[in-house]
Amino acid sequence: MPVDLNIISHLVLDDKEFINLGPPRKEISVLGGPPAFATMVIPLLSLKTRIITAVGSDFPEAYFRYLSSLKSLDLEILKSEKSTRFLHRIYDDGRTMFLLSQADNLDLFVQKQKGAKACLVSPVFAEISNLSMQWIKKNHNIIGLDVQGFVRSIDKNNKIILEFDYEGVKTIIEQADIVKFSLNEAQSFTQRKSYSDIFKHLSKDITNIITLGTQGIVFNEDDLIYKIEAPVKKETDPTGAGDVLMTGILASLIKNQEVDYSICFGMALAAEKVQHERIHTLPPEDYDSTAETILETKKLIA
């Protein structure tokens, strides 16, 4: 059966230190990474999906069993010495991340794969380059891009910092159809602060999405800038919400839905995800109805 969606990114093992709790709590080797969070909605979307990734011999067998149990999912795995692993130190006012190990680069492996209707490109730390993007551009009709892994670097202590080659990232972005930034990433990329100034320095030929957490999303339609409000939900864990958002957007676009509705559909799924800490299939709610309600909040801001 032809694949609807390729997801290109490393599966991740996350170590977490919850400094905000008393006493502090630790979790080791928690399944993470964009492909893992996307699996929370893939079974709901009738979306035949292929994950193109790399993991090491340290990747737990239980996680392989979970991924293999999803009938709508194919796995293309490059075997590495180690998996990509991050340490998250979580505080009341945010978190810091450290890179502990890294799986192999995917560039050559990607080019051995088959294309699909759409592709979610969501690297976590330099696992693909423009070499992969050129192949992705030729072999997919719709490309969704999360910039996070292209704008990360590490300091001398392996702490993740926001640092990147502007021209290199710009070249990659220009090959996508829909691009997701956090507000911090968008401000750093454009060196501008206000929404109007940020979007003046982003391509108008691309749908640029800037996520604002509980404040919603701002995005462009050509020269116009709109804001959509996020549903009010009890937030348990926002990790992976952006991956769920982008998966939902691409699933909707594959069905030829309008871009603004597709963004709202992704937001409906992401709003459900933040209420769940562990990776599992989200409940089969009426996400289309929620998307319609979210769409009613769309307003022109510039």
C-alpha atoms as a PDB file:
ATOM      1  CA  MET A   1       0.000   0.000   0.000  1.00  0.00           C
ATOM      2  CA  PRO A   2       1.421   3.463  -0.864  1.00  0.00           C
ATOM      3  CA  VAL A   3       2.476   5.534   2.119  1.00  0.00           C
ATOM      4  CA  ASP A   4       0.687   8.796   2.922  1.00  0.00           C
ATOM      5  CA  LEU A   5       3.285  10.316   5.221  1.00  0.00           C
ATOM      6  CA  ASN A   6       7.026   9.939   5.731  1.00  0.00           C
ATOM      7  CA  ILE A   7       8.454  11.165   9.040  1.00  0.00           C
ATOM      8  CA  ILE A   8      12.183  11.794   8.994  1.00  0.00           C
ATOM      9  CA  SER A   9      13.752  12.275  12.410  1.00  0.00           C
ATOM     10  CA  HIS A  10      15.578  10.404  15.139  1.00  0.00           C
ATOM     11  CA  LEU A  11      13.664   8.452  17.720  1.00  0.00           C
ATOM     12  CA  VAL A  12      15.045   9.608  21.059  1.00  0.00           C
ATOM     13  CA  LEU A  13      15.717   8.321  24.556  1.00  0.00           C
ATOM     14  CA  ASP A  14      15.071  11.073  27.094  1.00  0.00           C
ATOM     15  CA  ASP A  15      16.498  11.190  30.604  1.00  0.00           C
ATOM     16  CA  LYS A  16      14.519  13.623  32.750  1.00  0.00           C
ATOM     17  CA  GLU A  17      15.391  15.343  36.030  1.00  0.00           C
ATOM     18  CA  PHE A  18      12.400  17.091  37.580  1.00  0.00           C
ATOM     19  CA  ILE A  19      14.099  19.808  39.658  1.00  0.00           C
ATOM     20  CA  ASN A  20      10.707  21.488  40.188  1.00  0.00           C
ATOM     21  CA  LEU A  21       9.418  18.654  42.341  1.00  0.00           C
ATOM     22  CA  GLY A  22      10.115  17.980  46.009  1.00  0.00           C
ATOM     23  CA  PRO A  23      11.971  15.732  46.315  1.00  0.00           C
ATOM     24  CA  PRO A  24      13.436  15.837  42.755  1.00  0.00           C
ATOM     25  CA  ARG A  25      12.502  12.883  40.552  1.00  0.00           C
ATOM     26  CA  LYS A  26      14.406  11.142  37.739  1.00  0.00           C
ATOM     27  CA  GLU A  27      13.239   9.169  34.717  1.00  0.00           C
ATOM     28  CA  ILE A  28      15.619   7.267  32.454  1.00  0.00           C
ATOM     29  CA  SER A  29      15.333   6.209  28.791  1.00  0.00           C
ATOM     30  CA  VAL A  30      11.837   7.600  28.183  1.00  0.00           C
ATOM     31  CA  LEU A  31      10.692   7.148  24.581  1.00  0.00           C
ATOM     32  CA  GLY A  32      10.674  10.459  22.732  1.00  0.00           C
ATOM     33  CA  GLY A  33      11.425  12.289  19.520  1.00  0.00           C
ATOM     34  CA  PRO A  34       9.023  13.549  16.835  1.00  0.00           C
ATOM     35  CA  PRO A  35       8.268  10.108  15.320  1.00  0.00           C
ATOM     36  CA  ALA A  36       7.267   8.715  18.713  1.00  0.00           C
ATOM     37  CA  PHE A  37       4.915  11.588  19.500  1.00  0.00           C
ATOM     38  CA  ALA A  38       3.408  11.366  16.013  1.00  0.00           C
ATOM     39  CA  THR A  39       2.361   7.788  16.799  1.00  0.00           C
ATOM     40  CA  MET A  40      -0.090   9.208  19.346  1.00  0.00           C
ATOM     41  CA  VAL A  41      -2.344  10.311  16.471  1.00  0.00           C
ATOM     42  CA  ILE A  42      -1.345   8.181  13.473  1.00  0.00           C
ATOM     43  CA  PRO A  43      -3.860   5.406  14.370  1.00  0.00           C
ATOM     44  CA  LEU A  44      -6.658   8.011  14.570  1.00  0.00           C
ATOM     45  CA  LEU A  45      -6.019   9.531  11.158  1.00  0.00           C
ATOM     46  CA  SER A  46      -6.202   6.551   8.774  1.00  0.00           C
ATOM     47  CA  LEU A  47      -2.717   7.668   7.830  1.00  0.00           C
ATOM     48  CA  LYS A  48      -0.339   5.098   6.354  1.00  0.00           C
ATOM     49  CA  THR A  49       2.974   6.297   7.757  1.00  0.00           C
ATOM     50  CA  ARG A  50       6.646   5.427   7.405  1.00  0.00           C
ATOM     51  CA  ILE A  51       9.177   6.457  10.052  1.00  0.00           C
ATOM     52  CA  ILE A  52      12.703   6.891   8.713  1.00  0.00           C
ATOM     53  CA  THR A  53      15.056   6.972  11.672  1.00  0.00           C
ATOM     54  CA  ALA A  54      18.161   5.624  13.387  1.00  0.00           C
ATOM     55  CA  VAL A  55      18.546   3.998  16.802  1.00  0.00           C
ATOM     56  CA  GLY A  56      21.310   2.185  18.641  1.00  0.00           C
ATOM     57  CA  SER A  57      21.632  -1.128  20.460  1.00  0.00           C
ATOM     58  CA  ASP A  58      20.576   0.718  23.628  1.00  0.00           C
ATOM     59  CA  PHE A  59      17.042   1.241  22.282  1.00  0.00           C
ATOM     60  CA  PRO A  60      14.705  -0.817  24.507  1.00  0.00           C
ATOM     61  CA  GLU A  61      12.950  -3.792  22.978  1.00  0.00           C
ATOM     62  CA  ALA A  62       9.676  -2.713  24.590  1.00  0.00           C
ATOM     63  CA  TYR A  63       9.701   0.405  22.414  1.00  0.00           C
ATOM     64  CA  PHE A  64      10.223  -1.682  19.278  1.00  0.00           C
ATOM     65  CA  ARG A  65       7.232  -3.787  20.292  1.00  0.00           C
ATOM     66  CA  TYR A  66       5.069  -0.703  20.753  1.00  0.00           C
ATOM     67  CA  LEU A  67       6.023   0.779  17.377  1.00  0.00           C
ATOM     68  CA  SER A  68       5.608  -2.566  15.594  1.00  0.00           C
ATOM     69  CA  SER A  69       2.127  -2.982  17.091  1.00  0.00           C
ATOM     70  CA  LEU A  70       0.784   0.007  15.139  1.00  0.00           C
ATOM     71  CA  LYS A  71      -0.791  -1.429  11.998  1.00  0.00           C
ATOM     72  CA  SER A  72      -0.670   1.801  10.026  1.00  0.00           C
ATOM     73  CA  LEU A  73       3.065   2.233  10.597  1.00  0.00           C
ATOM     74  CA  ASP A  74       6.175   1.073   8.741  1.00  0.00           C
ATOM     75  CA  LEU A  75       9.647   1.407  10.227  1.00  0.00           C
ATOM     76  CA  GLU A  76      12.843   2.030   8.276  1.00  0.00           C
ATOM     77  CA  ILE A  77      15.619   1.962  10.861  1.00  0.00           C
ATOM     78  CA  LEU A  78      19.304   2.624  10.404  1.00  0.00           C
ATOM     79  CA  LYS A  79      21.154   0.664  13.098  1.00  0.00           C
ATOM     80  CA  SER A  80      23.648   2.829  14.977  1.00  0.00           C
ATOM     81  CA  GLU A  81      26.040   2.254  17.828  1.00  0.00           C
ATOM     82  CA  LYS A  82      24.007   4.511  20.124  1.00  0.00           C
ATOM     83  CA  SER A  83      20.593   6.164  20.083  1.00  0.00           C
ATOM     84  CA  THR A  84      20.186   9.911  20.300  1.00  0.00           C
ATOM     85  CA  ARG A  85      19.714  10.707  23.979  1.00  0.00           C
ATOM     86  CA  PHE A  86      18.976  13.972  25.762  1.00  0.00           C
ATOM     87  CA  LEU A  87      19.020  14.936  29.404  1.00  0.00           C
ATOM     88  CA  HIS A  88      16.177  17.308  30.327  1.00  0.00           C
ATOM     89  CA  ARG A  89      16.493  19.308  33.548  1.00  0.00           C
ATOM     90  CA  ILE A  90      12.998  20.605  34.229  1.00  0.00           C
ATOM     91  CA  TYR A  91      12.466  23.677  36.415  1.00  0.00           C
ATOM     92  CA  ASP A  92       9.366  25.671  37.368  1.00  0.00           C
ATOM     93  CA  ASP A  93      10.135  28.286  34.715  1.00  0.00           C
ATOM     94  CA  GLY A  94      11.399  26.055  31.897  1.00  0.00           C
ATOM     95  CA  ARG A  95      13.945  23.402  31.079  1.00  0.00           C
ATOM     96  CA  THR A  96      17.505  22.953  29.929  1.00  0.00           C
ATOM     97  CA  MET A  97      18.597  20.155  27.580  1.00  0.00           C
ATOM     98  CA  PHE A  98      21.919  18.369  27.167  1.00  0.00           C
ATOM     99  CA  LEU A  99      22.963  16.066  24.331  1.00  0.00           C
ATOM    100  CA  LEU A 100      24.265  12.807  25.816  1.00  0.00           C
ATOM    101  CA  SER A 101      24.680  10.716  22.660  1.00  0.00           C
ATOM    102  CA  GLN A 102      23.746  10.812  19.002  1.00  0.00           C
ATOM    103  CA  ALA A 103      22.667   8.211  16.441  1.00  0.00           C
ATOM    104  CA  ASP A 104      24.072   8.191  12.915  1.00  0.00           C
ATOM    105  CA  ASN A 105      23.324  10.843  10.328  1.00  0.00           C
ATOM    106  CA  LEU A 106      20.385   9.933   8.061  1.00  0.00           C
ATOM    107  CA  ASP A 107      21.360  11.666   4.805  1.00  0.00           C
ATOM    108  CA  LEU A 108      22.513   8.605   2.849  1.00  0.00           C
ATOM    109  CA  PHE A 109      19.879   6.327   4.412  1.00  0.00           C
ATOM    110  CA  VAL A 110      17.055   8.727   3.476  1.00  0.00           C
ATOM    111  CA  GLN A 111      17.977   8.575  -0.202  1.00  0.00           C
ATOM    112  CA  LYS A 112      17.425   4.794  -0.245  1.00  0.00           C
ATOM    113  CA  GLN A 113      13.771   5.208   0.794  1.00  0.00           C
ATOM    114  CA  LYS A 114      10.543   5.704  -1.156  1.00  0.00           C
ATOM    115  CA  GLY A 115       8.600   8.940  -1.345  1.00  0.00           C
ATOM    116  CA  ALA A 116       5.065   9.621  -0.118  1.00  0.00           C
ATOM    117  CA  LYS A 117       2.236  12.119  -0.456  1.00  0.00           C
ATOM    118  CA  ALA A 118       3.669  14.243   2.361  1.00  0.00           C
ATOM    119  CA  CYS A 119       6.738  14.403   4.555  1.00  0.00           C
ATOM    120  CA  LEU A 120       7.269  15.680   8.083  1.00  0.00           C
ATOM    121  CA  VAL A 121      10.866  16.809   8.458  1.00  0.00           C
ATOM    122  CA  SER A 122      11.565  17.264  12.156  1.00  0.00           C
ATOM    123  CA  PRO A 123      15.209  16.657  13.098  1.00  0.00           C
ATOM    124  CA  VAL A 124      16.189  16.832  16.755  1.00  0.00           C
ATOM    125  CA  PHE A 125      19.897  17.507  16.311  1.00  0.00           C
ATOM    126  CA  ALA A 126      21.611  17.680  12.916  1.00  0.00           C
ATOM    127  CA  GLU A 127      20.609  14.197  11.724  1.00  0.00           C
ATOM    128  CA  ILE A 128      19.832  15.459   8.224  1.00  0.00           C
ATOM    129  CA  SER A 129      21.082  18.276   6.009  1.00  0.00           C
ATOM    130  CA  ASN A 130      20.163  19.987   2.770  1.00  0.00           C
ATOM    131  CA  LEU A 131      21.235  16.777   1.024  1.00  0.00           C
ATOM    132  CA  SER A 132      18.163  15.069   2.478  1.00  0.00           C
ATOM    133  CA  MET A 133      15.951  18.068   1.783  1.00  0.00           C
ATOM    134  CA  GLN A 134      16.756  17.892  -1.911  1.00  0.00           C
ATOM    135  CA  TRP A 135      15.609  14.246  -2.004  1.00  0.00           C
ATOM    136  CA  ILE A 136      12.523  15.103   0.078  1.00  0.00           C
ATOM    137  CA  LYS A 137      11.584  17.920  -2.293  1.00  0.00           C
ATOM    138  CA  LYS A 138      11.705  15.589  -5.314  1.00  0.00           C
ATOM    139  CA  ASN A 139       9.733  12.756  -3.744  1.00  0.00           C
ATOM    140  CA  HIS A 140       6.834  14.412  -1.864  1.00  0.00           C
ATOM    141  CA  ASN A 141       3.907  16.636  -2.761  1.00  0.00           C
ATOM    142  CA  ILE A 142       3.679  18.411   0.612  1.00  0.00           C
ATOM    143  CA  ILE A 143       6.565  19.119   2.976  1.00  0.00           C
ATOM    144  CA  GLY A 144       6.092  20.150   6.590  1.00  0.00           C
ATOM    145  CA  LEU A 145       9.176  21.299   8.462  1.00  0.00           C
ATOM    146  CA  ASP A 146       9.886  21.853  12.145  1.00  0.00           C
ATOM    147  CA  VAL A 147      13.063  23.944  12.335  1.00  0.00           C
ATOM    148  CA  GLN A 148      14.099  22.878  15.850  1.00  0.00           C
ATOM    149  CA  GLY A 149      16.881  20.454  14.902  1.00  0.00           C
ATOM    150  CA  PHE A 150      18.350  22.857  12.352  1.00  0.00           C
ATOM    151  CA  VAL A 151      18.799  25.728  14.822  1.00  0.00           C
ATOM    152  CA  ARG A 152      20.355  23.807  17.718  1.00  0.00           C
ATOM    153  CA  SER A 153      23.996  23.637  18.704  1.00  0.00           C
ATOM    154  CA  ILE A 154      25.832  22.660  21.898  1.00  0.00           C
ATOM    155  CA  ASP A 155      28.182  24.516  24.196  1.00  0.00           C
ATOM    156  CA  LYS A 156      31.322  23.072  25.821  1.00  0.00           C
ATOM    157  CA  ASN A 157      29.117  21.234  28.358  1.00  0.00           C
ATOM    158  CA  ASN A 158      26.892  19.713  25.640  1.00  0.00           C
ATOM    159  CA  LYS A 159      24.043  21.996  26.660  1.00  0.00           C
ATOM    160  CA  ILE A 160      21.630  22.663  23.799  1.00  0.00           C
ATOM    161  CA  ILE A 161      21.791  26.287  22.676  1.00  0.00           C
ATOM    162  CA  LEU A 162      20.074  28.231  19.915  1.00  0.00           C
ATOM    163  CA  GLU A 163      22.801  28.727  17.314  1.00  0.00           C
ATOM    164  CA  PHE A 164      22.754  28.115  13.568  1.00  0.00           C
ATOM    165  CA  ASP A 165      24.000  28.934  10.088  1.00  0.00           C
ATOM    166  CA  TYR A 166      21.418  31.433   8.816  1.00  0.00           C
ATOM    167  CA  GLU A 167      21.998  30.871   5.097  1.00  0.00           C
ATOM    168  CA  GLY A 168      22.005  27.101   5.504  1.00  0.00           C
ATOM    169  CA  VAL A 169      18.734  27.093   7.429  1.00  0.00           C
ATOM    170  CA  LYS A 170      17.185  29.581   5.006  1.00  0.00           C
ATOM    171  CA  THR A 171      18.006  27.269   2.070  1.00  0.00           C
ATOM    172  CA  ILE A 172      16.345  24.350   3.855  1.00  0.00           C
ATOM    173  CA  ILE A 173      13.243  26.334   4.845  1.00  0.00           C
ATOM    174  CA  GLU A 174      12.653  27.563   1.306  1.00  0.00           C
ATOM    175  CA  GLN A 175      12.114  23.980   0.117  1.00  0.00           C
ATOM    176  CA  ALA A 176       9.180  23.372   2.493  1.00  0.00           C
ATOM    177  CA  ASP A 177       5.487  24.220   2.141  1.00  0.00           C
ATOM    178  CA  ILE A 178       4.619  24.734   5.795  1.00  0.00           C
ATOM    179  CA  VAL A 179       7.202  25.613   8.449  1.00  0.00           C
ATOM    180  CA  LYS A 180       6.828  25.611  12.231  1.00  0.00           C
ATOM    181  CA  PHE A 181       8.813  27.864  14.583  1.00  0.00           C
ATOM    182  CA  SER A 182       8.555  28.504  18.284  1.00  0.00           C
ATOM    183  CA  LEU A 183       8.420  32.233  19.003  1.00  0.00           C
ATOM    184  CA  ASN A 184      11.998  32.135  20.311  1.00  0.00           C
ATOM    185  CA  GLU A 185      13.200  30.352  17.156  1.00  0.00           C
ATOM    186  CA  ALA A 186      11.385  32.799  14.867  1.00  0.00           C
ATOM    187  CA  GLN A 187      12.795  35.804  16.711  1.00  0.00           C
ATOM    188  CA  SER A 188      16.318  34.370  16.604  1.00  0.00           C
ATOM    189  CA  PHE A 189      16.069  33.412  12.938  1.00  0.00           C
ATOM    190  CA  THR A 190      14.781  36.798  11.776  1.00  0.00           C
ATOM    191  CA  GLN A 191      16.461  38.969  14.458  1.00  0.00           C
ATOM    192  CA  ARG A 192      13.096  40.683  14.893  1.00  0.00           C
ATOM    193  CA  LYS A 193      10.701  40.802  17.854  1.00  0.00           C
ATOM    194  CA  SER A 194       7.195  41.822  16.714  1.00  0.00           C
ATOM    195  CA  TYR A 195       4.963  39.538  14.650  1.00  0.00           C
ATOM    196  CA  SER A 196       4.793  42.018  11.769  1.00  0.00           C
ATOM    197  CA  ASP A 197       8.569  42.389  11.621  1.00  0.00           C
ATOM    198  CA  ILE A 198       9.144  38.642  11.922  1.00  0.00           C
ATOM    199  CA  PHE A 199       6.837  37.821   9.017  1.00  0.00           C
ATOM    200  CA  LYS A 200       8.397  40.543   6.852  1.00  0.00           C
ATOM    201  CA  HIS A 201      11.598  38.524   7.044  1.00  0.00           C
ATOM    202  CA  LEU A 202      10.010  35.138   6.290  1.00  0.00           C
ATOM    203  CA  SER A 203       9.067  33.911   2.821  1.00  0.00           C
ATOM    204  CA  LYS A 204       5.504  34.814   1.826  1.00  0.00           C
ATOM    205  CA  ASP A 205       5.442  31.791  -0.512  1.00  0.00           C
ATOM    206  CA  ILE A 206       5.474  29.477   2.513  1.00  0.00           C
ATOM    207  CA  THR A 207       2.953  29.062   5.312  1.00  0.00           C
ATOM    208  CA  ASN A 208       4.953  30.021   8.407  1.00  0.00           C
ATOM    209  CA  ILE A 209       3.493  28.940  11.755  1.00  0.00           C
ATOM    210  CA  ILE A 210       4.723  30.399  15.040  1.00  0.00           C
ATOM    211  CA  THR A 211       3.560  28.501  18.111  1.00  0.00           C
ATOM    212  CA  LEU A 212       2.816  30.478  21.272  1.00  0.00           C
ATOM    213  CA  GLY A 213       1.994  27.659  23.693  1.00  0.00           C
ATOM    214  CA  THR A 214      -1.253  28.324  25.546  1.00  0.00           C
ATOM    215  CA  GLN A 215      -1.622  31.613  23.630  1.00  0.00           C
ATOM    216  CA  GLY A 216      -2.264  29.825  20.332  1.00  0.00           C
ATOM    217  CA  ILE A 217      -0.632  30.228  16.933  1.00  0.00           C
ATOM    218  CA  VAL A 218       0.138  33.029  14.520  1.00  0.00           C
ATOM    219  CA  PHE A 219       0.581  32.281  10.815  1.00  0.00           C
ATOM    220  CA  ASN A 220       0.637  33.990   7.447  1.00  0.00           C
ATOM    221  CA  GLU A 221      -1.547  33.740   4.387  1.00  0.00           C
ATOM    222  CA  ASP A 222       0.607  35.501   1.793  1.00  0.00           C
ATOM    223  CA  ASP A 223       1.048  39.064   3.195  1.00  0.00           C
ATOM    224  CA  LEU A 224      -1.614  38.746   5.903  1.00  0.00           C
ATOM    225  CA  ILE A 225      -0.963  37.593   9.467  1.00  0.00           C
ATOM    226  CA  TYR A 226      -3.600  35.792  11.528  1.00  0.00           C
ATOM    227  CA  LYS A 227      -3.858  34.530  15.078  1.00  0.00           C
ATOM    228  CA  ILE A 228      -5.788  31.489  16.245  1.00  0.00           C
ATOM    229  CA  GLU A 229      -6.511  30.933  19.939  1.00  0.00           C
ATOM    230  CA  ALA A 230      -5.574  27.656  21.631  1.00  0.00           C
ATOM    231  CA  PRO A 231      -8.336  25.704  23.385  1.00  0.00           C
ATOM    232  CA  VAL A 232      -8.257  25.916  27.165  1.00  0.00           C
ATOM    233  CA  LYS A 233      -7.015  22.572  28.442  1.00  0.00           C
ATOM    234  CA  LYS A 234      -5.391  21.292  31.622  1.00  0.00           C
ATOM    235  CA  GLU A 235      -1.742  20.978  30.628  1.00  0.00           C
ATOM    236  CA  THR A 236       0.044  17.934  32.012  1.00  0.00           C
ATOM    237  CA  ASP A 237       3.000  17.703  29.622  1.00  0.00           C
ATOM    238  CA  PRO A 238       3.474  19.905  26.521  1.00  0.00           C
ATOM    239  CA  THR A 239       6.402  17.814  25.234  1.00  0.00           C
ATOM    240  CA  GLY A 240       5.628  16.541  21.746  1.00  0.00           C
ATOM    241  CA  ALA A 241       2.626  18.800  21.190  1.00  0.00           C
ATOM    242  CA  GLY A 242       4.364  20.412  18.207  1.00  0.00           C
ATOM    243  CA  ASP A 243       4.966  17.012  16.622  1.00  0.00           C
ATOM    244  CA  VAL A 244       1.299  16.095  17.059  1.00  0.00           C
ATOM    245  CA  LEU A 245       0.335  19.513  15.659  1.00  0.00           C
ATOM    246  CA  MET A 246       2.407  19.053  12.486  1.00  0.00           C
ATOM    247  CA  THR A 247       1.244  15.475  11.969  1.00  0.00           C
ATOM    248  CA  GLY A 248      -2.377  16.611  12.165  1.00  0.00           C
ATOM    249  CA  ILE A 249      -1.781  19.529   9.800  1.00  0.00           C
ATOM    250  CA  LEU A 250      -0.199  17.306   7.147  1.00  0.00           C
ATOM    251  CA  ALA A 251      -2.910  14.645   7.519  1.00  0.00           C
ATOM    252  CA  SER A 252      -5.544  17.316   6.876  1.00  0.00           C
ATOM    253  CA  LEU A 253      -3.658  18.818   3.928  1.00  0.00           C
ATOM    254  CA  ILE A 254      -3.379  15.364   2.345  1.00  0.00           C
ATOM    255  CA  LYS A 255      -7.200  15.346   2.372  1.00  0.00           C
ATOM    256  CA  ASN A 256      -7.163  18.690   0.516  1.00  0.00           C
ATOM    257  CA  GLN A 257      -8.497  20.700   3.431  1.00  0.00           C
ATOM    258  CA  GLU A 258      -7.780  24.431   3.568  1.00  0.00           C
ATOM    259  CA  VAL A 259      -4.563  25.494   5.307  1.00  0.00           C
ATOM    260  CA  ASP A 260      -6.301  27.440   8.098  1.00  0.00           C
ATOM    261  CA  TYR A 261      -8.618  24.527   8.867  1.00  0.00           C
ATOM    262  CA  SER A 262      -5.665  22.113   8.760  1.00  0.00           C
ATOM    263  CA  ILE A 263      -3.811  24.235  11.323  1.00  0.00           C
ATOM    264  CA  CYS A 264      -6.889  24.173  13.562  1.00  0.00           C
ATOM    265  CA  PHE A 265      -7.189  20.411  13.178  1.00  0.00           C
ATOM    266  CA  GLY A 266      -3.564  20.009  14.248  1.00  0.00           C
ATOM    267  CA  MET A 267      -4.240  22.329  17.185  1.00  0.00           C
ATOM    268  CA  ALA A 268      -7.217  20.203  18.257  1.00  0.00           C
ATOM    269  CA  LEU A 269      -4.999  17.122  18.422  1.00  0.00           C
ATOM    270  CA  ALA A 270      -2.184  19.005  20.173  1.00  0.00           C
ATOM    271  CA  ALA A 271      -4.632  20.332  22.788  1.00  0.00           C
ATOM    272  CA  GLU A 272      -5.542  16.753  23.624  1.00  0.00           C
ATOM    273  CA  LYS A 273      -1.896  15.640  23.687  1.00  0.00           C
ATOM    274  CA  VAL A 274      -0.842  18.140  26.388  1.00  0.00           C
ATOM    275  CA  GLN A 275      -3.239  16.397  28.772  1.00  0.00           C
ATOM    276  CA  HIS A 276      -1.254  13.140  28.468  1.00  0.00           C
ATOM    277  CA  GLU A 277       2.234  12.515  29.835  1.00  0.00           C
ATOM    278  CA  ARG A 278       2.939   9.080  28.332  1.00  0.00           C
ATOM    279  CA  ILE A 279       3.033   8.101  24.671  1.00  0.00           C
ATOM    280  CA  HIS A 280      -0.096   6.188  23.671  1.00  0.00           C
ATOM    281  CA  THR A 281      -2.869   6.581  21.112  1.00  0.00           C
ATOM    282  CA  LEU A 282      -5.046   9.560  21.970  1.00  0.00           C
ATOM    283  CA  PRO A 283      -8.762   8.949  22.556  1.00  0.00           C
ATOM    284  CA  PRO A 284     -11.002   9.047  19.454  1.00  0.00           C
ATOM    285  CA  GLU A 285     -12.714  12.381  20.109  1.00  0.00           C
ATOM    286  CA  ASP A 286     -14.519  14.556  17.546  1.00  0.00           C
ATOM    287  CA  TYR A 287     -11.420  16.516  16.555  1.00  0.00           C
ATOM    288  CA  ASP A 288     -13.096  17.874  13.423  1.00  0.00           C
ATOM    289  CA  SER A 289     -15.726  19.602  15.550  1.00  0.00           C
ATOM    290  CA  THR A 290     -13.018  20.989  17.835  1.00  0.00           C
ATOM    291  CA  ALA A 291     -11.127  22.255  14.785  1.00  0.00           C
ATOM    292  CA  GLU A 292     -14.208  24.111  13.567  1.00  0.00           C
ATOM    293  CA  THR A 293     -14.581  25.765  16.975  1.00  0.00           C
ATOM    294  CA  ILE A 294     -10.905  26.768  16.985  1.00  0.00           C
ATOM    295  CA  LEU A 295     -11.255  28.181  13.468  1.00  0.00           C
ATOM    296  CA  GLU A 296     -13.931  30.574  14.742  1.00  0.00           C
ATOM    297  CA  THR A 297     -11.217  32.338  16.768  1.00  0.00           C
ATOM    298  CA  LYS A 298      -9.162  33.208  13.685  1.00  0.00           C
ATOM    299  CA  LYS A 299      -8.550  36.940  13.475  1.00  0.00           C
ATOM    300  CA  LEU A 300      -6.441  39.219  11.315  1.00  0.00           C
ATOM    301  CA  ILE A 301      -3.680  40.910  13.323  1.00  0.00           C
ATOM    302  CA  ALA A 302      -1.540  42.520  10.582  1.00  0.00           C
END
